[in-house]
Amino acid sequence: MQATIVYGFDSAQVASRFLNRVRASDFRGVKASFRQGGTQVRIVYPLAELDGYDSTCADLDELASALDGIEISHQ
């Protein structure tokens, strides 16, 4: 099963910074791509089959928030 999150940013430059940080980070199995003219970033990652808490979504939200991004959708 996969999770999909779309984050929105004020500019394509900030969205690019977020995308590059996600790709350079230690997010296991996360795929990131631009959407909507480069101001949105779509994230797709596999949901972990763990007995505990998977912090991927929270970590991505925190990173986006640090760049003044917002979560637009989550599936």
N, C-alpha and C. Protein backbone atom coordinates (compact mmCIF):
# COMPACT_ATOMS: atom_id res chain seq x y z
N MET A 1 0.83 -1.17 0.00
CA MET A 1 0.00 0.00 0.00
C MET A 1 0.89 1.25 0.00
N GLN A 2 0.44 2.29 -0.68
CA GLN A 2 1.22 3.51 -0.81
C GLN A 2 0.46 4.71 -0.25
N ALA A 3 1.22 5.70 0.17
CA ALA A 3 0.65 6.98 0.58
C ALA A 3 1.10 8.03 -0.42
N THR A 4 0.23 8.97 -0.74
CA THR A 4 0.54 10.07 -1.64
C THR A 4 0.19 11.37 -0.95
N ILE A 5 1.16 12.28 -0.93
CA ILE A 5 0.97 13.59 -0.32
C ILE A 5 1.40 14.65 -1.32
N VAL A 6 0.64 15.72 -1.43
CA VAL A 6 1.02 16.85 -2.27
C VAL A 6 1.22 18.06 -1.38
N TYR A 7 2.38 18.69 -1.51
CA TYR A 7 2.71 19.90 -0.76
C TYR A 7 2.75 21.09 -1.70
N GLY A 8 2.29 22.23 -1.23
CA GLY A 8 2.30 23.46 -2.02
C GLY A 8 3.25 24.48 -1.42
N PHE A 9 3.90 25.24 -2.28
CA PHE A 9 4.88 26.25 -1.87
C PHE A 9 4.61 27.55 -2.60
N ASP A 10 5.15 28.64 -2.06
CA ASP A 10 4.93 29.98 -2.63
C ASP A 10 5.60 30.17 -3.98
N SER A 11 6.69 29.45 -4.23
CA SER A 11 7.41 29.63 -5.49
C SER A 11 8.02 28.30 -5.94
N ALA A 12 8.36 28.24 -7.21
CA ALA A 12 9.00 27.04 -7.75
C ALA A 12 10.38 26.85 -7.13
N GLN A 13 11.06 27.94 -6.77
CA GLN A 13 12.38 27.84 -6.16
C GLN A 13 12.31 27.13 -4.80
N VAL A 14 11.33 27.49 -4.00
CA VAL A 14 11.17 26.86 -2.69
C VAL A 14 10.74 25.41 -2.85
N ALA A 15 9.86 25.14 -3.80
CA ALA A 15 9.43 23.76 -4.07
C ALA A 15 10.62 22.91 -4.50
N SER A 16 11.49 23.49 -5.31
CA SER A 16 12.69 22.78 -5.75
C SER A 16 13.62 22.48 -4.58
N ARG A 17 13.74 23.42 -3.68
CA ARG A 17 14.56 23.22 -2.48
C ARG A 17 14.02 22.06 -1.65
N PHE A 18 12.69 22.02 -1.48
CA PHE A 18 12.05 20.92 -0.74
C PHE A 18 12.31 19.59 -1.44
N LEU A 19 12.08 19.55 -2.74
CA LEU A 19 12.28 18.33 -3.51
C LEU A 19 13.71 17.83 -3.37
N ASN A 20 14.68 18.72 -3.47
CA ASN A 20 16.08 18.32 -3.35
C ASN A 20 16.42 17.83 -1.96
N ARG A 21 15.84 18.44 -0.94
CA ARG A 21 16.09 17.97 0.43
C ARG A 21 15.48 16.59 0.67
N VAL A 22 14.31 16.36 0.11
CA VAL A 22 13.68 15.04 0.25
C VAL A 22 14.55 13.99 -0.44
N ARG A 23 15.01 14.29 -1.64
CA ARG A 23 15.83 13.32 -2.38
C ARG A 23 17.17 13.07 -1.71
N ALA A 24 17.72 14.07 -1.03
CA ALA A 24 19.01 13.92 -0.38
C ALA A 24 18.90 13.32 1.03
N SER A 25 17.70 13.25 1.55
CA SER A 25 17.50 12.76 2.91
C SER A 25 17.39 11.24 2.94
N ASP A 26 17.25 10.75 4.15
CA ASP A 26 17.19 9.30 4.37
C ASP A 26 15.76 8.79 4.45
N PHE A 27 14.90 9.26 3.54
CA PHE A 27 13.53 8.77 3.48
C PHE A 27 13.50 7.51 2.63
N ARG A 28 13.24 6.39 3.25
CA ARG A 28 13.28 5.11 2.55
C ARG A 28 12.09 4.94 1.61
N GLY A 29 12.36 4.74 0.32
CA GLY A 29 11.33 4.44 -0.66
C GLY A 29 10.50 5.63 -1.13
N VAL A 30 10.89 6.84 -0.74
CA VAL A 30 10.12 8.04 -1.10
C VAL A 30 10.47 8.49 -2.52
N LYS A 31 9.44 8.74 -3.31
CA LYS A 31 9.61 9.28 -4.66
C LYS A 31 8.97 10.65 -4.68
N ALA A 32 9.68 11.64 -5.24
CA ALA A 32 9.18 13.01 -5.26
C ALA A 32 9.23 13.55 -6.69
N SER A 33 8.21 14.34 -7.04
CA SER A 33 8.17 14.95 -8.38
C SER A 33 7.38 16.25 -8.31
N PHE A 34 7.65 17.14 -9.30
CA PHE A 34 6.94 18.41 -9.38
C PHE A 34 5.54 18.22 -9.95
N ARG A 35 4.64 19.13 -9.55
CA ARG A 35 3.28 19.22 -10.09
C ARG A 35 2.91 20.67 -10.23
N GLN A 36 1.87 20.96 -10.99
CA GLN A 36 1.24 22.28 -11.08
C GLN A 36 2.23 23.42 -11.28
N GLY A 37 2.97 23.38 -12.36
CA GLY A 37 3.85 24.48 -12.70
C GLY A 37 5.07 24.62 -11.80
N GLY A 38 5.38 23.61 -11.05
CA GLY A 38 6.58 23.63 -10.23
C GLY A 38 6.40 24.18 -8.83
N THR A 39 5.21 24.60 -8.44
CA THR A 39 5.01 25.11 -7.09
C THR A 39 4.45 24.05 -6.14
N GLN A 40 4.19 22.87 -6.66
CA GLN A 40 3.72 21.76 -5.84
C GLN A 40 4.64 20.57 -6.03
N VAL A 41 4.81 19.80 -4.95
CA VAL A 41 5.63 18.59 -4.99
C VAL A 41 4.77 17.42 -4.55
N ARG A 42 4.77 16.39 -5.37
CA ARG A 42 4.01 15.17 -5.08
C ARG A 42 4.97 14.15 -4.50
N ILE A 43 4.61 13.58 -3.37
CA ILE A 43 5.41 12.57 -2.68
C ILE A 43 4.63 11.26 -2.68
N VAL A 44 5.29 10.18 -3.04
CA VAL A 44 4.70 8.84 -2.97
C VAL A 44 5.67 7.96 -2.21
N TYR A 45 5.15 7.25 -1.22
CA TYR A 45 6.02 6.34 -0.47
C TYR A 45 5.21 5.13 0.02
N PRO A 46 5.90 4.00 0.19
CA PRO A 46 5.20 2.81 0.68
C PRO A 46 4.92 2.94 2.17
N LEU A 47 3.74 2.54 2.57
CA LEU A 47 3.41 2.52 3.98
C LEU A 47 4.12 1.34 4.63
N ALA A 48 4.80 1.61 5.71
CA ALA A 48 5.58 0.59 6.39
C ALA A 48 4.65 -0.42 7.08
N GLU A 49 5.03 -1.65 6.99
CA GLU A 49 4.29 -2.72 7.67
C GLU A 49 4.95 -2.96 9.03
N LEU A 50 4.91 -1.96 9.88
CA LEU A 50 5.56 -2.03 11.18
C LEU A 50 4.52 -2.17 12.28
N ASP A 51 4.97 -2.69 13.40
CA ASP A 51 4.11 -2.75 14.57
C ASP A 51 4.05 -1.39 15.26
N GLY A 52 5.02 -0.55 14.96
CA GLY A 52 5.10 0.75 15.62
C GLY A 52 4.69 1.88 14.71
N TYR A 53 5.10 3.07 15.09
CA TYR A 53 4.74 4.31 14.40
C TYR A 53 5.70 4.58 13.25
N ASP A 54 5.17 4.92 12.09
CA ASP A 54 5.97 5.31 10.94
C ASP A 54 5.99 6.84 10.88
N SER A 55 7.14 7.43 11.04
CA SER A 55 7.25 8.88 11.14
C SER A 55 7.44 9.58 9.80
N THR A 56 7.36 8.86 8.69
CA THR A 56 7.64 9.46 7.37
C THR A 56 6.76 10.67 7.10
N CYS A 57 5.47 10.54 7.29
CA CYS A 57 4.55 11.65 7.03
C CYS A 57 4.86 12.84 7.92
N ALA A 58 5.06 12.60 9.20
CA ALA A 58 5.36 13.69 10.14
C ALA A 58 6.68 14.37 9.78
N ASP A 59 7.67 13.58 9.38
CA ASP A 59 8.96 14.15 9.00
C ASP A 59 8.85 15.00 7.74
N LEU A 60 8.08 14.53 6.77
CA LEU A 60 7.86 15.31 5.54
C LEU A 60 7.09 16.59 5.84
N ASP A 61 6.07 16.50 6.71
CA ASP A 61 5.30 17.69 7.10
C ASP A 61 6.21 18.72 7.77
N GLU A 62 7.10 18.26 8.63
CA GLU A 62 8.02 19.15 9.34
C GLU A 62 8.97 19.85 8.36
N LEU A 63 9.49 19.08 7.40
CA LEU A 63 10.39 19.65 6.40
C LEU A 63 9.67 20.69 5.55
N ALA A 64 8.46 20.37 5.12
CA ALA A 64 7.68 21.31 4.31
C ALA A 64 7.36 22.57 5.11
N SER A 65 7.00 22.40 6.36
CA SER A 65 6.68 23.53 7.22
C SER A 65 7.88 24.45 7.41
N ALA A 66 9.06 23.88 7.50
CA ALA A 66 10.28 24.69 7.66
C ALA A 66 10.51 25.59 6.45
N LEU A 67 9.93 25.22 5.30
CA LEU A 67 10.06 26.01 4.08
C LEU A 67 8.75 26.73 3.76
N ASP A 68 7.88 26.88 4.76
CA ASP A 68 6.58 27.54 4.63
C ASP A 68 5.66 26.86 3.62
N GLY A 69 5.80 25.55 3.49
CA GLY A 69 4.93 24.77 2.62
C GLY A 69 3.74 24.24 3.39
N ILE A 70 2.70 23.88 2.65
CA ILE A 70 1.50 23.31 3.26
C ILE A 70 1.12 22.01 2.56
N GLU A 71 0.51 21.12 3.31
CA GLU A 71 -0.01 19.89 2.73
C GLU A 71 -1.32 20.19 2.04
N ILE A 72 -1.39 19.91 0.75
CA ILE A 72 -2.59 20.18 -0.05
C ILE A 72 -3.51 18.98 -0.06
N SER A 73 -2.94 17.80 -0.22
CA SER A 73 -3.76 16.59 -0.20
C SER A 73 -2.95 15.42 0.33
N HIS A 74 -3.68 14.45 0.85
CA HIS A 74 -3.05 13.24 1.41
C HIS A 74 -3.98 12.06 1.13
N GLN A 75 -3.44 11.08 0.44
CA GLN A 75 -4.23 9.88 0.11
C GLN A 75 -3.52 8.66 0.62
